Protein backbone atom coordinates (compact mmCIF):
# COMPACT_ATOMS: atom_id res chain seq x y z
CA MET A 1 -21.20 38.47 54.29
CA THR A 2 -19.94 37.30 51.22
CA THR A 3 -16.97 39.02 49.98
CA PRO A 4 -17.60 40.42 46.13
CA LYS A 5 -14.74 38.61 43.96
CA SER A 6 -13.47 41.95 42.50
CA SER A 7 -12.51 42.01 46.56
CA ARG A 8 -11.27 38.95 46.56
CA PHE A 9 -8.82 39.42 43.50
CA SER A 10 -8.06 42.87 44.45
CA ALA A 11 -6.69 41.29 47.82
CA ALA A 12 -4.94 38.28 46.05
CA GLY A 13 -3.16 40.78 43.03
CA LEU A 14 -1.98 43.12 46.13
CA VAL A 15 -0.20 40.08 47.98
CA ALA A 16 1.24 38.77 44.83
CA VAL A 17 2.90 42.12 44.18
CA LEU A 18 4.24 42.83 47.31
CA ALA A 19 5.78 38.89 47.19
CA GLY A 20 7.02 40.02 43.78
CA LEU A 21 8.80 42.81 44.81
CA VAL A 22 10.01 40.78 47.61
CA GLY A 23 11.07 38.27 45.57
CA VAL A 24 12.91 41.09 43.52
CA LEU A 25 14.63 42.67 46.65
CA LEU A 26 15.88 39.46 47.54
CA LEU A 27 17.36 38.22 44.07
CA ALA A 28 19.26 42.08 43.50
CA MET A 29 21.06 41.30 47.47
CA ALA A 30 21.89 37.62 46.35
CA GLY A 31 23.01 39.11 42.88
CA PHE A 32 25.37 41.75 44.45
CA ARG A 33 26.43 39.40 46.98
CA VAL A 34 27.26 37.20 44.00
CA VAL A 35 29.20 40.19 41.96
CA ASP A 36 31.31 41.16 45.27
CA ILE A 37 32.59 37.68 45.61
CA LEU A 38 33.64 37.27 42.21
CA GLY A 39 35.22 40.82 42.38
CA GLN A 40 36.97 39.82 45.29
CA ARG A 41 38.34 36.42 43.47
CA THR A 42 39.11 38.40 39.95
CA GLU A 43 40.75 41.86 41.74
CA PRO A 44 44.20 42.08 40.30
CA ALA A 45 46.68 42.19 42.92
CA PRO A 46 48.07 45.61 44.09
CA SER A 47 50.57 46.88 41.11
CA PRO A 48 54.22 46.23 42.73
CA ASP A 49 55.04 50.32 41.99
CA SER A 50 52.95 51.09 45.09
CA THR A 51 54.51 48.84 47.33
CA SER A 52 58.25 48.56 46.67
CA GLY A 53 61.23 49.79 44.48
CA ALA A 54 60.95 46.08 42.82
CA ALA A 55 57.78 47.33 41.32
CA ALA A 56 59.34 48.07 37.47
CA ALA A 57 60.68 44.58 37.66
CA VAL A 58 57.23 42.61 37.89
CA THR A 59 55.19 41.56 34.88
CA THR A 60 51.18 41.59 34.77
CA SER A 61 51.11 37.79 34.94
CA THR A 62 53.66 37.80 37.57
CA ALA A 63 51.37 39.67 39.88
CA ALA A 64 48.16 38.43 39.13
CA ALA A 65 49.87 34.93 39.82
CA SER A 66 51.11 35.93 42.99
CA ALA A 67 47.39 37.21 44.09
CA ILE A 68 45.72 33.73 44.12
CA ILE A 69 49.28 31.87 45.44
CA PRO A 70 48.87 30.98 49.70
CA PRO A 71 51.66 32.39 51.64
CA GLN A 72 54.80 30.83 51.60
CA SER A 73 56.42 29.21 55.00
CA PHE A 74 60.33 30.34 55.40
CA VAL A 75 63.09 28.71 57.44
CA ALA A 76 66.49 30.63 58.42
CA VAL A 77 69.64 29.21 57.02
CA ASN A 78 73.43 29.73 57.19
CA ASP A 79 76.33 29.61 55.13
CA ASP A 80 78.86 27.16 56.56
CA SER A 81 80.98 29.70 58.08
CA GLY A 82 77.73 31.10 60.10
CA SER A 83 78.38 34.97 59.33
CA ILE A 84 74.86 34.69 56.79
CA LEU A 85 71.63 34.58 57.96
CA VAL A 86 68.72 34.89 55.19
CA GLU A 87 64.72 32.94 55.20
CA VAL A 88 63.87 30.88 52.33
CA PRO A 89 60.81 29.19 51.48
CA ALA A 90 60.73 25.77 53.72
CA GLU A 91 60.57 23.83 50.46
CA TRP A 92 64.08 25.11 49.37
CA GLY A 93 65.72 22.53 51.82
CA ASP A 94 68.68 21.37 49.78
CA ILE A 95 71.28 24.11 51.08
CA SER A 96 75.15 24.78 49.95
CA GLY A 97 77.17 27.23 52.25
CA SER A 98 80.55 26.50 50.98
CA GLY A 99 81.41 30.16 49.70
CA TRP A 100 81.30 32.54 46.91
CA VAL A 101 84.04 32.04 44.34
CA VAL A 102 84.79 34.08 40.99
CA ASP A 103 87.01 32.88 38.12
CA GLY A 104 88.35 30.27 40.86
CA GLU A 105 89.01 32.73 43.90
CA HIS A 106 87.43 33.00 46.96
CA VAL A 107 85.59 36.14 47.41
CA GLY A 108 83.67 36.04 50.06
CA PRO A 109 80.88 33.43 52.11
CA ALA A 110 77.85 32.59 50.13
CA VAL A 111 74.88 30.40 50.40
CA THR A 112 72.54 28.34 48.31
CA ALA A 113 68.99 26.80 48.50
CA ALA A 114 66.43 24.94 46.41
CA PRO A 115 64.75 22.21 46.10
CA ASN A 116 67.31 20.64 44.23
CA LEU A 117 70.74 22.09 43.99
CA ASP A 118 71.80 19.71 40.91
CA ALA A 119 68.37 20.56 39.17
CA TRP A 120 68.77 24.43 40.23
CA TYR A 121 72.36 24.57 38.74
CA SER A 122 71.42 22.56 35.52
CA SER A 123 67.99 24.12 34.64
CA TRP A 124 65.82 27.17 34.91
CA ALA A 125 62.33 24.91 36.15
CA THR A 126 63.60 24.56 39.59
CA PRO A 127 63.00 27.76 41.62
CA GLY A 128 66.03 28.46 44.23
CA VAL A 129 68.39 31.42 45.58
CA PHE A 130 72.36 32.25 46.00
CA VAL A 131 73.51 35.21 48.06
CA GLY A 132 76.82 36.06 48.25
CA VAL A 133 78.69 38.76 50.29
CA SER A 134 82.12 40.27 49.93
CA ALA A 135 83.53 42.58 52.26
CA THR A 136 87.13 42.33 50.00
CA GLY A 137 87.08 45.03 47.77
CA PHE A 138 85.08 42.76 44.74
CA GLU A 139 81.78 44.59 43.14
CA PRO A 140 79.24 42.05 41.92
CA GLU A 141 77.35 43.26 38.62
CA VAL A 142 74.20 42.38 37.66
CA GLY A 143 75.17 40.76 34.55
CA ASN A 144 73.54 39.98 31.02
CA PHE A 145 71.25 36.90 30.84
CA SER A 146 69.14 37.94 27.76
CA ALA A 147 70.59 34.95 25.66
CA VAL A 148 68.01 32.88 27.84
CA CYS A 149 66.17 35.10 29.28
CA THR A 150 63.23 38.31 28.14
CA VAL A 151 65.27 41.59 29.74
CA GLY A 152 62.85 43.58 32.00
CA LYS A 153 63.03 46.66 33.68
CA ALA A 154 65.40 47.68 37.00
CA GLY A 155 64.33 49.32 40.21
CA GLN A 156 65.58 50.37 43.29
CA LEU A 157 64.73 47.93 46.33
CA SER A 158 65.34 48.55 50.41
CA ALA A 159 64.80 46.09 52.57
CA GLY A 160 66.20 45.27 56.05
CA LEU A 161 69.57 46.44 56.21
CA LEU A 162 69.83 46.29 52.25
CA SER A 163 69.01 48.54 49.36
CA GLY A 164 70.51 48.65 45.99
CA THR A 165 69.49 47.65 42.26
CA VAL A 166 67.23 44.56 41.17
CA GLN A 167 66.96 43.58 37.50
CA ALA A 168 63.99 41.52 36.49
CA TRP A 169 64.09 39.01 33.53
CA SER A 170 61.33 36.58 32.53
CA ARG A 171 60.39 33.35 30.39
CA CYS A 172 63.95 32.03 31.27
CA GLY A 173 64.80 29.19 29.35
CA ASP A 174 62.38 26.46 28.36
CA ALA A 175 60.73 26.58 32.17
CA GLY A 176 59.81 30.26 31.22
CA SER A 177 61.07 31.15 34.71
CA ASP A 178 61.47 34.28 36.28
CA PHE A 179 64.80 35.86 37.50
CA TYR A 180 65.94 38.92 39.57
CA VAL A 181 69.12 39.59 40.57
CA PHE A 182 70.41 42.39 43.08
CA VAL A 183 73.28 44.16 43.64
CA GLY A 184 73.32 46.36 46.66
CA GLY A 185 75.00 46.35 50.65
CA PRO A 186 74.32 47.64 53.36
CA ALA A 187 74.07 52.24 54.20
CA ASP A 188 77.84 52.57 55.14
CA ALA A 189 78.80 50.44 52.42
CA SER A 190 80.85 47.91 54.22
CA TYR A 191 80.21 44.90 52.15
CA PHE A 192 78.79 44.07 48.48
CA VAL A 193 75.26 41.57 48.19
CA LEU A 194 74.83 39.59 45.25
CA ILE A 195 71.19 37.80 44.84
CA GLN A 196 69.89 35.38 42.12
CA LEU A 197 66.73 33.97 42.80
CA VAL A 198 64.91 32.27 40.27
CA SER A 199 60.96 31.78 40.34
CA THR A 200 58.61 29.47 38.89
CA ASP A 201 55.55 30.35 40.63
CA GLY A 202 54.88 34.04 40.61
CA THR A 203 56.10 34.72 43.80
CA GLY A 204 59.68 36.23 43.18
CA VAL A 205 59.13 39.74 43.95
CA ARG A 206 57.76 38.52 47.84
CA THR A 207 60.43 36.20 48.25
CA LEU A 208 63.35 38.42 47.69
CA GLU A 209 61.41 41.15 49.93
CA GLN A 210 61.21 38.31 52.68
CA LEU A 211 64.75 37.20 51.95
CA MET A 212 66.53 40.59 52.07
CA ALA A 213 64.18 41.73 55.05
CA ALA A 214 65.66 38.82 57.33
CA PHE A 215 69.18 39.20 55.90
CA SER A 216 72.24 39.68 58.62
CA TYR A 217 75.83 39.33 58.53
CA LEU A 218 78.60 39.05 60.94
CA PRO A 219 82.00 39.01 59.68
């Protein structure tokens, strides 16, 4: 039996329509997946305001940079007396634990860590941290770095044994680094802690929180 041309065309047309619908569906699914992946890649980091008291200290550009930087490896370091223990990025392998001297007076133990201490002391282009502890009654100040940095907001931060004030600075020096100064101590106020941290890659708040969370002091 011969099938009329009109019937053959109708069947072919139906197949074509079905194939077209399947193709459109597949393209739509593929498009959704691409948008979903791109959305994950471009989604900004959560506002620090929702995660810690250091929220006020972070700029949008710094938070966005933190979102694409892989987690750092941290190592424990001590000052020369062994009374301070903190964790710093593993790359900061140049360590000094000789103590904290203010106006020629030794006010307590301290540890400084950076990839290169000479470079950290002399410019803003090298990341690093200073941690000083004073149980002598000396009360450190946040300080004023507006001559070389753009002042940011101050916020409260608590992590581990420590709580206090964090003052943020940005665009420090020719390198445009971020700078965080923490002044605080434990709940019983038995000693004061000063932390000065330079960040060149947008991870400053995360590094500061890790350092504070792992901090310990044994007089």
